[in-house]
């Protein structure tokens, strides 16, 4: 059920993005004859009065199609309601509407989360530290038998206890003993184990075992006394996520070699969403907002086949007073689309392989 919940969130965000384009076109009277979720062969379709709605085989996004270049369209080429015949501003509104829809949706999700779930006001700590993820299979933790979901209760006989210092104590014990075996008392469901793991020194000489650590317990929420406070708190969270997302993409652009392995495809996103849903289903609100903002930032980048690429062509058209030749635009967009699909397929294969036990 957690996997299905994560898939549903991702699908909903794609629908929201494409609905942004579709609604902006229809609101201006621009023809839109296709509304598709996914790319490639059609799995299901419905022909409406003016628009064909379809689900396609490759769930790497979606698109809204226009009849401008459809050879089967009976609309006259000089019809003012064709997308290509509209002023640059009208087309820019349609193209940017998907990004705007994702940003607005993210904010509304945060408002809904704060209204229904409440504002984080503390943490109910339980003994130990949770291991939510073993990063790599060849890491010392994996070799020692540590698994996702394990709870580390003690290190070298020292109980970690139930507090915000448990993770700090464990981290310090690992970092201070590179190359030295440490004994971890681990709770795995109803069993208690002792695992010996030897931290591996990193570039700074600190010990690492290749896991992520999280406090053991549940977050405590409270509801604001003033309902209007929800909107300002949601705005603060929204701003924080946007800033972190932009900074993350900046790192990807300017420090690609170090962060390239952190790029995730649909499979990894669904896997992470499933973990979040399994741990705390209410966290799916934050997950949805985060992914929605990421989709917005990705799509606004000035890359071929993305909304930012189309907006770049519109900017050039506005500066030149006429569009670039159709052959140039089609060539760039088709190349970009193929590269985008290729990257998507690569990420799906890589992320799927990483989920298969070795």
Protein backbone atom coordinates (compact mmCIF):
# COMPACT_ATOMS: atom_id res chain seq x y z
CA UNK A 1 0.00 0.00 0.00
CA UNK A 2 2.89 2.38 0.74
CA UNK A 3 4.28 1.84 -2.79
CA UNK A 4 0.86 2.50 -4.32
CA UNK A 5 0.53 5.66 -2.22
CA UNK A 6 3.89 6.95 -3.48
CA UNK A 7 2.99 6.12 -7.11
CA UNK A 8 -0.35 7.90 -6.67
CA UNK A 9 1.42 11.02 -5.38
CA UNK A 10 3.84 11.06 -8.32
CA UNK A 11 1.04 10.51 -10.84
CA UNK A 12 -1.04 13.27 -9.25
CA UNK A 13 1.84 15.74 -9.56
CA UNK A 14 2.24 14.94 -13.27
CA UNK A 15 -1.51 15.43 -13.78
CA UNK A 16 -1.36 18.77 -11.92
CA UNK A 17 1.50 19.95 -14.14
CA UNK A 18 -0.23 19.02 -17.39
CA UNK A 19 -3.56 20.42 -16.15
CA UNK A 20 -1.76 23.73 -15.70
CA UNK A 21 -0.84 23.81 -19.40
CA UNK A 22 -4.25 22.54 -20.47
CA UNK A 23 -6.26 24.95 -18.32
CA UNK A 24 -4.17 27.95 -19.39
CA UNK A 25 -4.71 27.06 -23.06
CA UNK A 26 -8.44 26.46 -22.71
CA UNK A 27 -8.92 29.63 -20.62
CA UNK A 28 -7.50 31.66 -23.54
CA UNK A 29 -9.51 29.79 -26.16
CA UNK A 30 -6.44 28.02 -27.59
CA UNK A 31 -7.10 24.63 -29.13
CA UNK A 32 -5.64 21.60 -27.27
CA UNK A 33 -6.37 18.25 -28.89
CA UNK A 34 -4.30 15.90 -26.69
CA UNK A 35 -3.83 15.43 -22.96
CA UNK A 36 -1.43 12.58 -22.21
CA UNK A 37 0.14 11.21 -19.05
CA UNK A 38 3.36 9.41 -20.00
CA UNK A 39 5.06 8.96 -23.37
CA UNK A 40 5.16 6.24 -26.01
CA UNK A 41 2.45 3.70 -26.93
CA UNK A 42 -1.09 4.43 -25.74
CA UNK A 43 -2.40 2.08 -23.04
CA UNK A 44 -5.79 3.74 -22.65
CA UNK A 45 -7.51 6.69 -24.26
CA UNK A 46 -10.79 8.55 -24.30
CA UNK A 47 -11.87 10.85 -27.10
CA UNK A 48 -13.67 13.89 -25.77
CA UNK A 49 -15.45 16.54 -27.82
CA UNK A 50 -12.23 18.41 -28.60
CA UNK A 51 -9.46 16.54 -26.79
CA UNK A 52 -8.05 13.00 -26.69
CA UNK A 53 -7.15 11.95 -23.14
CA UNK A 54 -4.57 9.14 -22.87
CA UNK A 55 -2.35 7.10 -20.58
CA UNK A 56 0.91 6.01 -22.22
CA UNK A 57 3.51 3.31 -21.59
CA UNK A 58 6.47 5.29 -20.24
CA UNK A 59 5.56 7.16 -17.03
CA UNK A 60 8.27 9.80 -17.36
CA UNK A 61 6.00 12.81 -17.49
CA UNK A 62 3.23 13.87 -19.85
CA UNK A 63 2.26 16.44 -22.45
CA UNK A 64 -0.54 18.58 -23.81
CA UNK A 65 -0.75 18.39 -27.60
CA UNK A 66 -1.92 21.13 -29.96
CA UNK A 67 -3.39 20.67 -33.45
CA UNK A 68 -1.04 23.18 -35.08
CA UNK A 69 1.06 20.55 -36.84
CA UNK A 70 -1.44 17.68 -36.80
CA UNK A 71 -1.87 16.52 -40.44
CA UNK A 72 -5.35 15.19 -39.60
CA UNK A 73 -6.57 18.50 -38.17
CA UNK A 74 -9.32 20.26 -40.11
CA UNK A 75 -8.69 23.62 -38.43
CA UNK A 76 -7.59 26.30 -40.95
CA UNK A 77 -3.88 27.17 -40.71
CA UNK A 78 -4.70 30.86 -40.13
CA UNK A 79 -7.15 30.23 -37.27
CA UNK A 80 -6.28 32.74 -34.52
CA UNK A 81 -6.93 30.12 -31.82
CA UNK A 82 -4.10 27.87 -32.95
CA UNK A 83 -1.21 27.98 -30.49
CA UNK A 84 1.33 29.15 -33.09
CA UNK A 85 -0.89 32.06 -34.17
CA UNK A 86 -1.15 33.52 -30.67
CA UNK A 87 1.08 36.37 -29.40
CA UNK A 88 4.26 35.44 -27.58
CA UNK A 89 2.77 36.40 -24.20
CA UNK A 90 -0.24 34.09 -24.64
CA UNK A 91 2.03 31.18 -25.51
CA UNK A 92 4.38 31.97 -22.64
CA UNK A 93 1.44 31.82 -20.22
CA UNK A 94 0.47 28.37 -21.50
CA UNK A 95 4.03 27.03 -21.34
CA UNK A 96 4.79 28.40 -17.86
CA UNK A 97 1.41 27.36 -16.43
CA UNK A 98 2.63 23.83 -15.63
CA UNK A 99 5.42 25.16 -13.42
CA UNK A 100 3.05 27.62 -11.76
CA UNK A 101 0.52 24.82 -11.14
CA UNK A 102 3.15 22.68 -9.40
CA UNK A 103 4.26 25.57 -7.19
CA UNK A 104 0.70 26.52 -6.22
CA UNK A 105 -0.14 22.86 -5.58
CA UNK A 106 2.93 22.48 -3.34
CA UNK A 107 1.87 25.47 -1.24
CA UNK A 108 -1.71 24.20 -0.93
CA UNK A 109 -0.44 20.76 0.12
CA UNK A 110 1.60 22.39 2.89
CA UNK A 111 -1.46 24.38 3.99
CA UNK A 112 -3.49 21.14 4.04
CA UNK A 113 -0.79 19.35 6.02
CA UNK A 114 -0.62 22.07 8.67
CA UNK A 115 -4.41 22.26 8.83
CA UNK A 116 -5.04 18.52 9.15
CA UNK A 117 -1.89 17.18 10.81
CA UNK A 118 -0.66 20.25 12.65
CA UNK A 119 2.65 21.99 13.30
CA UNK A 120 5.67 19.96 14.50
CA UNK A 121 6.05 20.81 18.20
CA UNK A 122 8.40 18.14 19.51
CA UNK A 123 9.56 14.55 19.28
CA UNK A 124 8.58 11.51 21.34
CA UNK A 125 11.94 9.74 21.60
CA UNK A 126 12.29 5.96 22.00
CA UNK A 127 15.51 4.12 22.88
CA UNK A 128 18.15 3.85 20.15
CA UNK A 129 18.75 5.14 16.63
CA UNK A 130 17.01 3.89 13.48
CA UNK A 131 18.89 2.88 10.33
CA UNK A 132 16.52 4.04 7.53
CA UNK A 133 18.97 3.16 4.76
CA UNK A 134 22.19 1.23 4.15
CA UNK A 135 23.78 3.39 1.46
CA UNK A 136 25.89 0.85 -0.46
CA UNK A 137 26.20 -2.94 -0.47
CA UNK A 138 29.98 -2.86 -0.04
CA UNK A 139 29.82 -0.50 2.95
CA UNK A 140 31.13 -1.79 6.31
CA UNK A 141 27.58 -1.74 7.72
CA UNK A 142 26.23 -3.99 4.95
CA UNK A 143 29.19 -6.37 5.27
CA UNK A 144 28.57 -6.62 9.00
CA UNK A 145 24.91 -7.52 8.39
CA UNK A 146 23.24 -4.24 9.37
CA UNK A 147 19.89 -3.81 7.58
CA UNK A 148 17.38 -1.07 6.86
CA UNK A 149 14.91 -0.72 9.70
CA UNK A 150 17.36 -1.93 12.37
CA UNK A 151 17.43 0.00 15.65
CA UNK A 152 20.88 0.47 17.17
CA UNK A 153 20.44 0.39 20.95
CA UNK A 154 24.06 0.52 22.14
CA UNK A 155 27.61 1.03 20.87
CA UNK A 156 30.53 -0.74 22.58
CA UNK A 157 28.30 -1.48 25.57
CA UNK A 158 27.14 2.14 25.98
CA UNK A 159 23.35 2.39 25.84
CA UNK A 160 22.22 5.19 23.53
CA UNK A 161 19.02 5.86 25.44
CA UNK A 162 15.97 7.82 24.35
CA UNK A 163 16.97 11.41 23.60
CA UNK A 164 18.06 13.79 20.87
CA UNK A 165 21.68 12.96 21.79
CA UNK A 166 21.44 9.28 20.80
CA UNK A 167 22.29 9.95 17.14
CA UNK A 168 25.14 12.31 18.12
CA UNK A 169 26.66 9.74 20.50
CA UNK A 170 26.53 6.99 17.87
CA UNK A 171 27.92 9.24 15.14
CA UNK A 172 30.83 10.35 17.35
CA UNK A 173 31.63 6.75 18.28
CA UNK A 174 31.76 5.74 14.59
CA UNK A 175 33.75 8.76 13.39
CA UNK A 176 36.35 8.50 16.15
CA UNK A 177 37.24 4.84 15.42
CA UNK A 178 38.29 4.44 11.79
CA UNK A 179 39.76 0.99 11.24
CA UNK A 180 38.70 -0.20 14.71
CA UNK A 181 35.90 -2.72 15.21
CA UNK A 182 32.94 -1.48 17.23
CA UNK A 183 30.17 -3.60 18.71
CA UNK A 184 26.59 -2.55 17.95
CA UNK A 185 23.64 -3.85 19.92
CA UNK A 186 20.83 -4.02 17.36
CA UNK A 187 17.10 -4.62 17.66
CA UNK A 188 15.59 -6.25 14.57
CA UNK A 189 11.86 -6.69 15.01
CA UNK A 190 11.62 -8.97 18.10
CA UNK A 191 15.27 -10.08 18.03
CA UNK A 192 18.30 -8.49 19.65
CA UNK A 193 21.65 -8.95 17.87
CA UNK A 194 25.28 -7.94 18.36
CA UNK A 195 27.05 -6.92 15.15
CA UNK A 196 30.72 -6.00 14.85
CA UNK A 197 31.43 -3.34 12.23
CA UNK A 198 34.73 -1.65 11.34
CA UNK A 199 34.35 1.98 10.20
CA UNK A 200 36.21 2.93 7.03
CA UNK A 201 38.17 6.19 7.03
CA UNK A 202 36.95 8.88 4.66
CA UNK A 203 39.03 11.60 3.00
CA UNK A 204 39.11 13.56 6.28
CA UNK A 205 40.13 10.52 8.33
CA UNK A 206 36.73 10.13 10.00
CA UNK A 207 35.16 6.72 10.36
CA UNK A 208 32.16 5.91 8.16
CA UNK A 209 30.07 2.72 7.99
CA UNK A 210 27.77 3.66 5.08
CA UNK A 211 24.36 4.18 6.68
CA UNK A 212 21.89 6.96 7.28
CA UNK A 213 20.77 7.49 10.87
CA UNK A 214 17.47 8.84 12.19
CA UNK A 215 16.08 9.40 15.70
CA UNK A 216 13.88 6.58 16.97
CA UNK A 217 10.42 7.85 17.79
CA UNK A 218 7.53 9.85 16.48
CA UNK A 219 7.06 13.55 15.86
CA UNK A 220 4.50 15.38 18.00
CA UNK A 221 2.16 17.86 16.30
CA UNK A 222 -0.02 20.68 17.59
CA UNK A 223 -2.66 22.78 15.84
CA UNK A 224 -2.27 26.58 15.63
CA UNK A 225 -4.81 28.51 17.72
CA UNK A 226 -5.17 31.05 14.93
CA UNK A 227 -6.17 29.36 11.62
CA UNK A 228 -4.61 32.24 9.66
CA UNK A 229 -1.23 31.24 11.10
CA UNK A 230 -1.38 28.11 8.93
CA UNK A 231 -0.96 30.15 5.75
CA UNK A 232 2.10 32.04 7.02
CA UNK A 233 3.72 28.86 8.35
CA UNK A 234 3.02 27.12 5.03
CA UNK A 235 4.62 30.06 3.22
CA UNK A 236 7.74 29.74 5.40
CA UNK A 237 8.00 26.01 4.69
CA UNK A 238 7.38 26.60 0.99
CA UNK A 239 10.15 29.21 0.81
CA UNK A 240 12.57 26.93 2.66
CA UNK A 241 11.94 23.99 0.30
CA UNK A 242 12.27 26.20 -2.80
CA UNK A 243 15.59 27.64 -1.59
CA UNK A 244 16.99 24.19 -0.75
CA UNK A 245 15.82 22.81 -4.09
CA UNK A 246 17.44 25.61 -6.08
CA UNK A 247 20.65 25.21 -4.07
CA UNK A 248 20.57 21.48 -4.80
CA UNK A 249 20.30 22.06 -8.54
CA UNK A 250 23.09 24.61 -8.27
CA UNK A 251 25.29 21.92 -6.73
CA UNK A 252 24.32 19.55 -9.55
CA UNK A 253 25.32 22.09 -12.19
CA UNK A 254 28.54 23.39 -10.63
CA UNK A 255 29.68 20.28 -8.75
CA UNK A 256 28.27 17.52 -10.96
CA UNK A 257 30.95 14.90 -10.28
CA UNK A 258 30.25 14.75 -6.53
CA UNK A 259 26.45 14.81 -6.60
CA UNK A 260 25.58 13.02 -9.87
CA UNK A 261 24.92 9.73 -8.05
CA UNK A 262 22.23 11.49 -6.00
CA UNK A 263 20.07 12.10 -9.10
CA UNK A 264 16.98 9.90 -8.76
CA UNK A 265 14.53 8.59 -11.33
CA UNK A 266 10.87 7.58 -10.89
CA UNK A 267 11.74 4.19 -9.33
CA UNK A 268 13.95 5.71 -6.62
CA UNK A 269 11.43 8.48 -5.96
CA UNK A 270 8.64 5.91 -5.52
CA UNK A 271 10.90 3.78 -3.27
CA UNK A 272 11.71 6.76 -1.06
CA UNK A 273 8.05 7.78 -0.99
CA UNK A 274 7.08 4.24 0.04
CA UNK A 275 9.54 4.36 2.94
CA UNK A 276 8.11 7.69 4.05
CA UNK A 277 4.53 6.40 3.81
CA UNK A 278 5.42 3.26 5.74
CA UNK A 279 7.10 5.23 8.53
CA UNK A 280 4.50 8.00 8.78
CA UNK A 281 1.75 8.37 6.17
CA UNK A 282 1.22 12.02 7.11
CA UNK A 283 4.73 12.75 5.83
CA UNK A 284 3.41 12.15 2.30
CA UNK A 285 2.17 15.75 2.40
CA UNK A 286 5.76 16.99 2.75
CA UNK A 287 6.92 14.44 0.16
CA UNK A 288 4.30 15.66 -2.34
CA UNK A 289 5.25 19.31 -1.79
CA UNK A 290 8.96 18.53 -2.17
CA UNK A 291 8.55 16.56 -5.41
CA UNK A 292 6.10 19.13 -6.82
CA UNK A 293 8.61 21.93 -6.26
CA UNK A 294 11.38 19.80 -7.76
CA UNK A 295 9.24 19.19 -10.87
CA UNK A 296 8.67 22.93 -11.18
CA UNK A 297 12.37 23.77 -10.90
CA UNK A 298 13.39 21.01 -13.34
CA UNK A 299 10.84 22.09 -15.93
CA UNK A 300 11.81 25.75 -15.83
CA UNK A 301 15.44 24.95 -16.69
CA UNK A 302 16.28 26.19 -20.22
CA UNK A 303 16.81 22.69 -21.61
CA UNK A 304 15.33 21.20 -24.82
CA UNK A 305 12.01 19.33 -24.41
CA UNK A 306 11.37 21.04 -21.05
CA UNK A 307 9.14 24.05 -20.48
CA UNK A 308 12.21 26.21 -19.97
CA UNK A 309 13.46 25.20 -23.43
CA UNK A 310 10.19 26.30 -25.04
CA UNK A 311 10.29 29.57 -23.11
CA UNK A 312 13.84 30.13 -24.36
CA UNK A 313 12.64 29.82 -27.96
CA UNK A 314 9.86 32.30 -27.19
CA UNK A 315 12.38 34.72 -25.71
CA UNK A 316 14.50 34.46 -28.86
CA UNK A 317 11.39 35.03 -30.96
CA UNK A 318 10.47 38.09 -28.94
CA UNK A 319 13.96 39.55 -29.35
CA UNK A 320 14.21 38.72 -33.08
CA UNK A 321 10.66 39.70 -33.93
CA UNK A 322 10.14 36.31 -35.58
CA UNK A 323 10.56 32.67 -34.54
CA UNK A 324 13.56 30.53 -35.36
CA UNK A 325 13.07 28.25 -38.39
CA UNK A 326 10.78 25.32 -37.61
CA UNK A 327 13.43 22.80 -38.63
CA UNK A 328 15.85 24.17 -36.04
CA UNK A 329 13.24 24.16 -33.26
CA UNK A 330 12.01 20.65 -34.12
CA UNK A 331 15.55 19.29 -34.33
CA UNK A 332 16.55 20.72 -30.96
CA UNK A 333 13.34 19.58 -29.26
CA UNK A 334 13.43 16.06 -30.72
CA UNK A 335 17.05 15.65 -29.70
CA UNK A 336 16.27 16.93 -26.22
CA UNK A 337 13.29 14.60 -25.91
CA UNK A 338 15.36 11.56 -26.91
CA UNK A 339 18.07 12.51 -24.41
CA UNK A 340 15.44 13.05 -21.70
CA UNK A 341 13.82 9.67 -22.39
CA UNK A 342 17.22 8.02 -22.49
CA UNK A 343 18.15 9.53 -19.13
CA UNK A 344 14.81 8.47 -17.69
CA UNK A 345 15.23 4.87 -18.87
CA UNK A 346 18.81 4.79 -17.56
CA UNK A 347 17.68 6.03 -14.13
CA UNK A 348 14.85 3.48 -14.04
CA UNK A 349 17.24 0.61 -14.82
CA UNK A 350 19.90 1.84 -12.38
CA UNK A 351 17.47 2.47 -9.54
CA UNK A 352 15.64 -0.82 -10.12
CA UNK A 353 18.94 -2.71 -10.06
CA UNK A 354 19.89 -1.01 -6.78
CA UNK A 355 16.69 -2.35 -5.17
CA UNK A 356 17.41 -5.96 -6.12
CA UNK A 357 19.18 -7.84 -3.30
CA UNK A 358 22.65 -9.08 -4.22
